[in-house]
Amino acid sequence: MLATEAVEATFQNRTYDLYSITKTLAGKFAKPERPVRDEIGGVITDDEEQKKR
């Protein structure tokens, strides 16, 4: 269970594990989106164009 793992990580001073467990429990674990650029270097904002690229 994640809550008990978080408590164990706290007592063992594993801050990275504690942080990742906390983010997972909070539901805020998402990849940051990066802009997609075309051949010229401009940013593509349309979803369909991004998928094609």
C-alpha atoms as a PDB file:
ATOM      1  CA  MET A   1       0.000   0.000   0.000  1.00  0.00           C
ATOM      2  CA  LEU A   2       1.355   3.414  -0.919  1.00  0.00           C
ATOM      3  CA  ALA A   3       0.568   5.069   2.400  1.00  0.00           C
ATOM      4  CA  THR A   4       2.687   2.593   4.354  1.00  0.00           C
ATOM      5  CA  GLU A   5       5.501   2.921   1.802  1.00  0.00           C
ATOM      6  CA  ALA A   6       5.385   6.689   2.316  1.00  0.00           C
ATOM      7  CA  VAL A   7       5.685   6.280   6.074  1.00  0.00           C
ATOM      8  CA  GLU A   8       8.625   3.883   5.673  1.00  0.00           C
ATOM      9  CA  ALA A   9      10.313   6.269   3.241  1.00  0.00           C
ATOM     10  CA  THR A  10       9.918   9.054   5.785  1.00  0.00           C
ATOM     11  CA  PHE A  11      11.592   7.078   8.541  1.00  0.00           C
ATOM     12  CA  GLN A  12      14.393   5.910   6.225  1.00  0.00           C
ATOM     13  CA  ASN A  13      15.083   9.431   4.898  1.00  0.00           C
ATOM     14  CA  ARG A  14      14.277   8.526   1.266  1.00  0.00           C
ATOM     15  CA  THR A  15      12.952  11.900   0.211  1.00  0.00           C
ATOM     16  CA  TYR A  16      12.816  11.119  -3.524  1.00  0.00           C
ATOM     17  CA  ASP A  17      10.608   8.076  -2.918  1.00  0.00           C
ATOM     18  CA  LEU A  18       8.437  10.037  -0.502  1.00  0.00           C
ATOM     19  CA  TYR A  19       7.989  12.837  -3.043  1.00  0.00           C
ATOM     20  CA  SER A  20       7.032  10.483  -5.880  1.00  0.00           C
ATOM     21  CA  ILE A  21       4.582   8.555  -3.676  1.00  0.00           C
ATOM     22  CA  THR A  22       3.004  11.814  -2.526  1.00  0.00           C
ATOM     23  CA  LYS A  23       2.588  13.009  -6.117  1.00  0.00           C
ATOM     24  CA  THR A  24       1.029   9.669  -7.083  1.00  0.00           C
ATOM     25  CA  LEU A  25      -1.417   9.785  -4.185  1.00  0.00           C
ATOM     26  CA  ALA A  26      -2.330  13.387  -4.979  1.00  0.00           C
ATOM     27  CA  GLY A  27      -3.050  12.486  -8.600  1.00  0.00           C
ATOM     28  CA  LYS A  28      -0.773  15.187  -9.984  1.00  0.00           C
ATOM     29  CA  PHE A  29       1.664  12.927 -11.781  1.00  0.00           C
ATOM     30  CA  ALA A  30       1.647  14.112 -15.395  1.00  0.00           C
ATOM     31  CA  LYS A  31       4.316  14.614 -17.985  1.00  0.00           C
ATOM     32  CA  PRO A  32       4.935  18.211 -18.935  1.00  0.00           C
ATOM     33  CA  GLU A  33       3.924  18.910 -22.500  1.00  0.00           C
ATOM     34  CA  ARG A  34       6.637  20.101 -24.834  1.00  0.00           C
ATOM     35  CA  PRO A  35       5.936  22.301 -27.840  1.00  0.00           C
ATOM     36  CA  VAL A  36       6.141  20.640 -31.256  1.00  0.00           C
ATOM     37  CA  ARG A  37       8.075  22.574 -33.860  1.00  0.00           C
ATOM     38  CA  ASP A  38       7.885  22.422 -37.633  1.00  0.00           C
ATOM     39  CA  GLU A  39      10.831  22.270 -40.069  1.00  0.00           C
ATOM     40  CA  ILE A  40      11.289  26.043 -39.982  1.00  0.00           C
ATOM     41  CA  GLY A  41      11.300  26.195 -36.183  1.00  0.00           C
ATOM     42  CA  GLY A  42       7.818  27.599 -35.610  1.00  0.00           C
ATOM     43  CA  VAL A  43       5.551  26.136 -32.946  1.00  0.00           C
ATOM     44  CA  ILE A  44       2.676  23.917 -34.124  1.00  0.00           C
ATOM     45  CA  THR A  45      -0.462  24.512 -32.050  1.00  0.00           C
ATOM     46  CA  ASP A  46      -3.023  22.374 -33.903  1.00  0.00           C
ATOM     47  CA  ASP A  47      -3.418  18.862 -32.437  1.00  0.00           C
ATOM     48  CA  GLU A  48      -3.787  17.159 -35.808  1.00  0.00           C
ATOM     49  CA  GLU A  49      -0.689  18.859 -37.172  1.00  0.00           C
ATOM     50  CA  GLN A  50       1.264  17.819 -34.068  1.00  0.00           C
ATOM     51  CA  LYS A  51       0.236  14.184 -34.568  1.00  0.00           C
ATOM     52  CA  LYS A  52       1.324  14.323 -38.217  1.00  0.00           C
ATOM     53  CA  ARG A  53       4.688  15.742 -37.221  1.00  0.00           C
END
